[in-house]
Protein backbone atom coordinates (compact mmCIF):
# COMPACT_ATOMS: atom_id res chain seq x y z
CA UNK A 1 -8.90 -11.95 -36.04
CA UNK A 2 -7.09 -10.94 -32.85
CA UNK A 3 -8.02 -7.64 -31.24
CA UNK A 4 -4.50 -7.30 -29.88
CA UNK A 5 -2.88 -5.61 -32.88
CA UNK A 6 0.86 -5.13 -32.69
CA UNK A 7 3.09 -3.32 -35.15
CA UNK A 8 6.86 -3.27 -35.54
CA UNK A 9 8.47 0.14 -35.41
CA UNK A 10 9.54 1.57 -38.78
CA UNK A 11 13.23 1.10 -39.39
CA UNK A 12 13.56 -2.41 -37.96
CA UNK A 13 15.40 -4.91 -40.14
CA UNK A 14 13.37 -8.10 -39.81
CA UNK A 15 15.31 -11.31 -40.28
CA UNK A 16 13.18 -13.97 -38.60
CA UNK A 17 10.59 -12.67 -36.18
CA UNK A 18 9.20 -9.18 -35.82
CA UNK A 19 10.17 -7.38 -32.61
CA UNK A 20 6.75 -6.39 -31.31
CA UNK A 21 6.99 -3.03 -29.63
CA UNK A 22 3.66 -1.26 -30.08
CA UNK A 23 0.34 -2.38 -28.73
CA UNK A 24 -3.21 -1.17 -29.29
CA UNK A 25 -4.62 -3.44 -26.63
CA UNK A 26 -7.75 -1.80 -25.19
CA UNK A 27 -6.90 -2.79 -21.62
CA UNK A 28 -3.53 -1.09 -21.93
CA UNK A 29 -5.18 2.12 -23.13
CA UNK A 30 -7.42 2.11 -20.06
CA UNK A 31 -4.38 1.62 -17.83
CA UNK A 32 -2.61 4.60 -19.37
CA UNK A 33 -5.60 6.89 -19.06
CA UNK A 34 -6.06 6.04 -15.38
CA UNK A 35 -2.38 6.67 -14.51
CA UNK A 36 -1.80 3.17 -13.18
CA UNK A 37 1.84 2.77 -12.20
CA UNK A 38 3.63 -0.17 -10.61
CA UNK A 39 5.64 1.31 -7.76
CA UNK A 40 9.27 0.18 -7.63
CA UNK A 41 10.45 -1.20 -4.27
CA UNK A 42 7.26 0.11 -2.65
CA UNK A 43 7.49 -1.66 0.70
CA UNK A 44 11.28 -1.51 0.93
CA UNK A 45 11.31 2.29 0.68
CA UNK A 46 8.63 2.58 3.37
CA UNK A 47 10.56 0.15 5.57
CA UNK A 48 13.82 2.09 5.22
CA UNK A 49 12.16 5.38 6.12
CA UNK A 50 10.25 3.97 9.09
CA UNK A 51 13.24 2.07 10.49
CA UNK A 52 15.52 5.12 10.32
CA UNK A 53 13.07 7.81 11.43
CA UNK A 54 13.72 9.18 14.91
CA UNK A 55 10.07 9.53 15.95
CA UNK A 56 7.03 7.26 16.18
CA UNK A 57 4.77 9.90 14.61
CA UNK A 58 6.83 11.05 11.62
CA UNK A 59 6.07 13.58 8.92
CA UNK A 60 7.57 12.38 5.65
CA UNK A 61 8.02 14.00 2.24
CA UNK A 62 7.44 11.99 -0.92
CA UNK A 63 9.27 14.22 -3.38
CA UNK A 64 7.95 12.32 -6.41
CA UNK A 65 4.36 11.44 -5.53
CA UNK A 66 3.50 9.93 -8.92
CA UNK A 67 0.70 7.42 -8.61
CA UNK A 68 1.10 7.45 -4.83
CA UNK A 69 2.56 3.99 -4.23
CA UNK A 70 5.34 4.91 -1.81
CA UNK A 71 3.11 7.38 0.02
CA UNK A 72 0.42 4.71 0.33
CA UNK A 73 2.89 2.26 1.85
CA UNK A 74 4.03 4.88 4.37
CA UNK A 75 0.50 5.87 5.37
CA UNK A 76 -0.53 2.21 5.70
CA UNK A 77 2.42 1.51 8.00
CA UNK A 78 0.96 3.51 10.89
CA UNK A 79 -1.96 5.81 11.66
CA UNK A 80 0.62 8.19 13.16
CA UNK A 81 2.39 8.76 9.83
CA UNK A 82 1.74 11.88 7.79
CA UNK A 83 3.05 12.62 4.28
CA UNK A 84 3.49 15.70 2.11
CA UNK A 85 3.62 14.62 -1.53
CA UNK A 86 5.21 16.73 -4.28
CA UNK A 87 4.65 16.34 -8.02
CA UNK A 88 4.74 18.69 -11.00
CA UNK A 89 2.54 16.42 -13.13
CA UNK A 90 -1.16 17.37 -12.76
CA UNK A 91 -2.32 13.94 -13.94
CA UNK A 92 -0.18 12.24 -11.29
CA UNK A 93 -1.48 14.52 -8.55
CA UNK A 94 -5.09 13.86 -9.54
CA UNK A 95 -4.55 10.09 -9.63
CA UNK A 96 -2.77 10.10 -6.26
CA UNK A 97 -5.48 12.24 -4.67
CA UNK A 98 -8.11 9.71 -5.73
CA UNK A 99 -6.07 6.68 -4.72
CA UNK A 100 -5.16 8.09 -1.31
CA UNK A 101 -8.38 9.90 -0.42
CA UNK A 102 -9.08 7.41 2.38
CA UNK A 103 -6.17 8.81 4.41
CA UNK A 104 -7.82 12.21 4.73
CA UNK A 105 -5.73 15.05 6.15
CA UNK A 106 -2.77 12.76 6.85
CA UNK A 107 -1.75 13.53 3.25
CA UNK A 108 -1.04 16.95 1.76
CA UNK A 109 -0.37 17.19 -2.00
CA UNK A 110 1.77 20.03 -3.35
CA UNK A 111 1.86 21.08 -7.01
CA UNK A 112 5.56 21.80 -7.39
CA UNK A 113 8.86 20.19 -8.43
CA UNK A 114 11.01 18.91 -5.59
CA UNK A 115 13.56 21.65 -6.15
CA UNK A 116 11.07 23.95 -4.38
CA UNK A 117 10.93 21.89 -1.19
CA UNK A 118 12.14 24.61 1.21
CA UNK A 119 9.77 27.29 -0.08
CA UNK A 120 6.72 25.04 -0.26
CA UNK A 121 7.31 23.51 3.17
CA UNK A 122 7.81 26.95 4.67
CA UNK A 123 4.50 28.04 3.14
CA UNK A 124 2.87 25.12 4.97
CA UNK A 125 4.52 26.15 8.23
CA UNK A 126 6.82 23.10 8.23
CA UNK A 127 10.40 23.70 9.35
CA UNK A 128 11.75 20.13 9.29
CA UNK A 129 10.49 16.70 8.22
CA UNK A 130 11.37 13.25 9.55
CA UNK A 131 12.29 11.58 6.28
CA UNK A 132 12.23 11.98 2.51
CA UNK A 133 11.96 9.66 -0.47
CA UNK A 134 12.26 10.27 -4.20
CA UNK A 135 11.63 7.89 -7.10
CA UNK A 136 13.47 9.56 -9.97
CA UNK A 137 12.86 9.41 -13.67
CA UNK A 138 9.70 8.93 -15.64
CA UNK A 139 6.67 6.84 -14.66
CA UNK A 140 5.08 4.15 -16.80
CA UNK A 141 1.93 6.23 -17.48
CA UNK A 142 4.09 9.11 -18.67
CA UNK A 143 6.04 6.80 -20.98
CA UNK A 144 2.95 5.04 -22.27
CA UNK A 145 0.83 8.14 -22.85
CA UNK A 146 1.29 9.06 -26.52
CA UNK A 147 0.27 12.64 -25.75
CA UNK A 148 3.41 13.11 -23.62
CA UNK A 149 5.72 12.22 -26.49
CA UNK A 150 8.29 10.57 -24.22
CA UNK A 151 8.48 7.28 -26.10
CA UNK A 152 9.03 6.32 -29.71
CA UNK A 153 6.74 3.32 -29.18
CA UNK A 154 3.64 5.50 -29.59
CA UNK A 155 3.09 8.33 -32.04
CA UNK A 156 2.47 11.67 -30.38
CA UNK A 157 3.73 15.24 -30.21
CA UNK A 158 7.42 15.87 -29.60
CA UNK A 159 6.73 17.21 -26.12
CA UNK A 160 8.35 15.17 -23.30
CA UNK A 161 7.45 17.58 -20.47
CA UNK A 162 6.52 16.06 -17.10
CA UNK A 163 4.41 19.16 -16.51
CA UNK A 164 2.60 19.64 -19.82
CA UNK A 165 1.33 23.05 -18.72
CA UNK A 166 4.66 24.87 -18.62
CA UNK A 167 8.16 24.95 -20.00
CA UNK A 168 9.80 24.23 -23.31
CA UNK A 169 8.84 21.17 -25.37
CA UNK A 170 11.43 18.85 -26.89
CA UNK A 171 10.55 20.15 -30.35
CA UNK A 172 11.10 23.74 -29.21
CA UNK A 173 14.40 22.66 -27.65
CA UNK A 174 15.56 21.09 -30.93
CA UNK A 175 14.58 24.27 -32.77
CA UNK A 176 16.34 26.57 -30.29
CA UNK A 177 19.67 24.76 -29.98
CA UNK A 178 22.41 24.91 -32.59
CA UNK A 179 23.65 21.70 -34.21
CA UNK A 180 26.64 21.66 -31.87
CA UNK A 181 24.57 22.38 -28.73
CA UNK A 182 22.04 19.69 -29.64
CA UNK A 183 24.82 17.16 -30.29
CA UNK A 184 26.32 17.98 -26.89
CA UNK A 185 22.99 17.33 -25.14
CA UNK A 186 22.54 14.00 -26.91
CA UNK A 187 26.12 12.95 -26.13
CA UNK A 188 26.20 13.99 -22.46
CA UNK A 189 22.70 12.96 -21.40
CA UNK A 190 22.22 9.99 -23.70
CA UNK A 191 25.80 8.69 -23.90
CA UNK A 192 25.24 8.59 -27.67
CA UNK A 193 28.51 8.38 -29.63
CA UNK A 194 26.81 9.29 -32.91
CA UNK A 195 25.34 12.50 -31.51
CA UNK A 196 26.68 14.82 -34.22
CA UNK A 197 25.12 12.84 -37.03
CA UNK A 198 21.84 12.61 -35.14
CA UNK A 199 21.79 16.33 -34.36
CA UNK A 200 22.38 17.25 -38.01
CA UNK A 201 19.61 14.88 -39.10
CA UNK A 202 17.14 16.33 -36.58
CA UNK A 203 17.89 19.90 -37.61
CA UNK A 204 17.58 18.97 -41.29
CA UNK A 205 14.21 17.31 -40.69
CA UNK A 206 13.04 20.42 -38.85
CA UNK A 207 14.15 22.71 -41.67
CA UNK A 208 12.35 20.50 -44.20
CA UNK A 209 9.13 20.62 -42.11
CA UNK A 210 9.40 16.88 -41.54
CA UNK A 211 9.53 16.81 -37.75
CA UNK A 212 6.08 16.81 -36.13
CA UNK A 213 5.61 13.58 -34.16
CA UNK A 214 7.67 11.14 -32.13
CA UNK A 215 7.75 8.74 -35.07
CA UNK A 216 9.11 11.54 -37.26
CA UNK A 217 11.76 12.06 -34.59
CA UNK A 218 12.65 8.40 -34.60
CA UNK A 219 12.80 8.29 -38.41
CA UNK A 220 15.24 11.20 -38.42
CA UNK A 221 17.44 9.34 -35.92
CA UNK A 222 17.29 6.14 -37.99
CA UNK A 223 18.28 8.08 -41.12
CA UNK A 224 21.40 9.21 -39.27
CA UNK A 225 22.53 5.94 -37.69
CA UNK A 226 20.67 3.17 -39.50
CA UNK A 227 18.00 0.73 -38.29
CA UNK A 228 18.32 -1.68 -35.40
CA UNK A 229 18.34 -5.39 -35.91
CA UNK A 230 15.91 -7.56 -34.01
CA UNK A 231 17.09 -8.08 -30.44
CA UNK A 232 19.16 -4.90 -30.35
CA UNK A 233 18.56 -1.61 -28.59
CA UNK A 234 16.45 0.74 -30.67
CA UNK A 235 18.59 3.50 -32.19
CA UNK A 236 16.26 6.19 -30.80
CA UNK A 237 16.54 5.11 -27.16
CA UNK A 238 19.51 7.22 -26.11
CA UNK A 239 18.39 10.35 -27.96
CA UNK A 240 14.88 10.21 -26.53
CA UNK A 241 16.35 9.81 -23.03
CA UNK A 242 18.69 12.77 -23.53
CA UNK A 243 15.97 15.08 -24.81
CA UNK A 244 13.60 14.12 -21.97
CA UNK A 245 16.27 14.70 -19.31
CA UNK A 246 17.13 18.09 -20.81
CA UNK A 247 13.52 19.24 -21.25
CA UNK A 248 12.71 18.46 -17.63
CA UNK A 249 16.07 19.58 -16.22
CA UNK A 250 16.16 16.25 -14.39
CA UNK A 251 19.80 16.35 -13.31
CA UNK A 252 19.58 19.98 -12.18
CA UNK A 253 16.45 19.12 -10.20
CA UNK A 254 18.24 16.20 -8.55
CA UNK A 255 21.29 18.31 -7.67
CA UNK A 256 19.00 20.86 -6.06
CA UNK A 257 17.11 18.16 -4.16
CA UNK A 258 20.33 16.71 -2.75
CA UNK A 259 21.37 20.19 -1.61
CA UNK A 260 18.08 21.35 -0.09
CA UNK A 261 17.27 17.99 1.53
CA UNK A 262 19.79 18.83 4.26
CA UNK A 263 17.89 22.05 4.97
CA UNK A 264 14.48 20.40 5.39
CA UNK A 265 15.35 17.13 7.14
CA UNK A 266 15.48 16.87 10.93
CA UNK A 267 18.78 15.68 12.48
CA UNK A 268 19.13 11.93 11.96
CA UNK A 269 16.28 11.80 9.39
CA UNK A 270 16.60 9.40 6.43
CA UNK A 271 16.70 10.23 2.74
CA UNK A 272 15.88 7.40 0.30
CA UNK A 273 16.39 7.91 -3.42
CA UNK A 274 15.69 5.50 -6.30
CA UNK A 275 17.60 6.19 -9.52
CA UNK A 276 17.27 4.49 -12.90
CA UNK A 277 20.40 5.41 -14.84
CA UNK A 278 24.05 6.06 -14.10
CA UNK A 279 23.85 9.85 -14.40
CA UNK A 280 21.34 10.02 -11.55
CA UNK A 281 22.96 7.32 -9.44
CA UNK A 282 26.38 8.95 -9.69
CA UNK A 283 25.02 12.24 -8.32
CA UNK A 284 23.30 10.49 -5.41
CA UNK A 285 26.33 8.35 -4.61
CA UNK A 286 28.73 11.32 -4.65
CA UNK A 287 26.44 13.43 -2.45
CA UNK A 288 25.94 10.68 0.13
CA UNK A 289 29.71 10.04 0.32
CA UNK A 290 30.38 13.41 1.99
CA UNK A 291 30.68 12.34 5.64
CA UNK A 292 30.01 15.77 7.10
CA UNK A 293 26.66 15.91 5.34
CA UNK A 294 25.36 12.32 5.33
CA UNK A 295 25.67 8.97 7.13
CA UNK A 296 25.31 6.21 4.57
CA UNK A 297 22.82 3.46 5.47
CA UNK A 298 23.12 1.36 2.30
CA UNK A 299 26.81 0.68 1.66
CA UNK A 300 25.80 -0.68 -1.73
CA UNK A 301 22.63 0.25 -3.64
CA UNK A 302 19.61 -1.97 -3.08
CA UNK A 303 17.63 -3.34 -5.99
CA UNK A 304 14.26 -4.96 -6.58
CA UNK A 305 13.77 -8.62 -5.81
CA UNK A 306 13.88 -11.16 -8.66
CA UNK A 307 10.13 -11.56 -8.28
CA UNK A 308 9.58 -7.82 -8.67
CA UNK A 309 11.86 -7.67 -11.70
CA UNK A 310 9.93 -10.48 -13.34
CA UNK A 311 6.60 -8.81 -12.63
CA UNK A 312 7.81 -5.31 -13.60
CA UNK A 313 10.69 -5.37 -16.14
CA UNK A 314 11.04 -1.58 -15.91
CA UNK A 315 12.23 -2.00 -12.32
CA UNK A 316 15.37 -3.89 -13.32
CA UNK A 317 17.62 -0.83 -13.54
CA UNK A 318 16.40 0.71 -10.25
CA UNK A 319 18.94 1.43 -7.50
CA UNK A 320 17.93 2.53 -4.02
CA UNK A 321 20.40 4.47 -1.87
CA UNK A 322 19.61 5.57 1.68
CA UNK A 323 21.48 7.95 3.97
CA UNK A 324 20.61 9.86 7.13
CA UNK A 325 21.36 13.41 8.12
CA UNK A 326 23.97 13.48 10.92
CA UNK A 327 22.74 14.24 14.41
CA UNK A 328 23.58 17.73 15.65
CA UNK A 329 26.25 16.40 18.02
CA UNK A 330 28.11 14.45 15.32
CA UNK A 331 31.41 15.94 14.20
CA UNK A 332 33.45 14.89 11.18
CA UNK A 333 36.18 16.26 8.97
CA UNK A 334 33.82 16.60 6.02
CA UNK A 335 35.98 14.65 3.60
CA UNK A 336 34.42 12.27 1.16
CA UNK A 337 34.53 8.61 2.04
CA UNK A 338 36.89 6.41 0.01
CA UNK A 339 35.48 5.16 -3.26
CA UNK A 340 33.95 1.70 -2.74
CA UNK A 341 34.01 -1.16 -5.20
CA UNK A 342 30.25 -1.20 -5.58
CA UNK A 343 28.81 -1.17 -9.08
């Protein structure tokens, strides 16, 4: 008998083959526990920062340290490079500290969300940095760790926090919001047209004491909208995304990052941001289009190579945009650039 047991999610209508979506493979469990994450566009991000930095001995900020892949690439590029890495996830910080220990004091790790960049850098005595990168969204270890509750593929608590030590859980959010408020979150952040039905079903499950785990959450969604057929998108996908974004204030964090980045970057310094869905990418694109504030380096977003997409399917939706802060002498009218025909 195979040791690689796989189970179809409840609610799937099986016509021919089962859509295998859950794995109890022992090797995968080890990977999750050790916070192993395949960094998206690792070398490309490092290349864009190095090529656009205005000094040969730069100090960079990795605003989303995660497993440390982008920071590692930067530190490997030159012994003169230093990096300050930010992350609100204690597991990510611990993993990165172990992975990058060989770089010694060239790396400083800060336990904070990137919205606190100015305060945290000031506390370190840093006025300006020579470049910044951010890999937005959720990492593979966070998705795959059942204890985080970010995915319906594994049964766990309805939590979804990137920092499991603080803030409101997704279950507490569902309990606090009214039916209408919950439906609005699911519609706006998940682009889910059936948000009202889903919200009513979630609130009903909560009232009936039938909402404890991520699989309970998925069942309540399926009761509202019906099961998915094999080959289709799981009906819980959009709702899980919306709840996770709301719990972690991901769009608010990004808006703050785009605003404060101009306060912490040196003149001419690059800012490289990887987004994974249209809500994030739209914010980055709109911010970079303001000529007075940014000089766009990537006229169209860059994506992973076909080889990287094949090796890491989760990288397929990634978009990298890069812009630099104008030099002090540059003068512009501050108007937004014309809308391009890029995707």
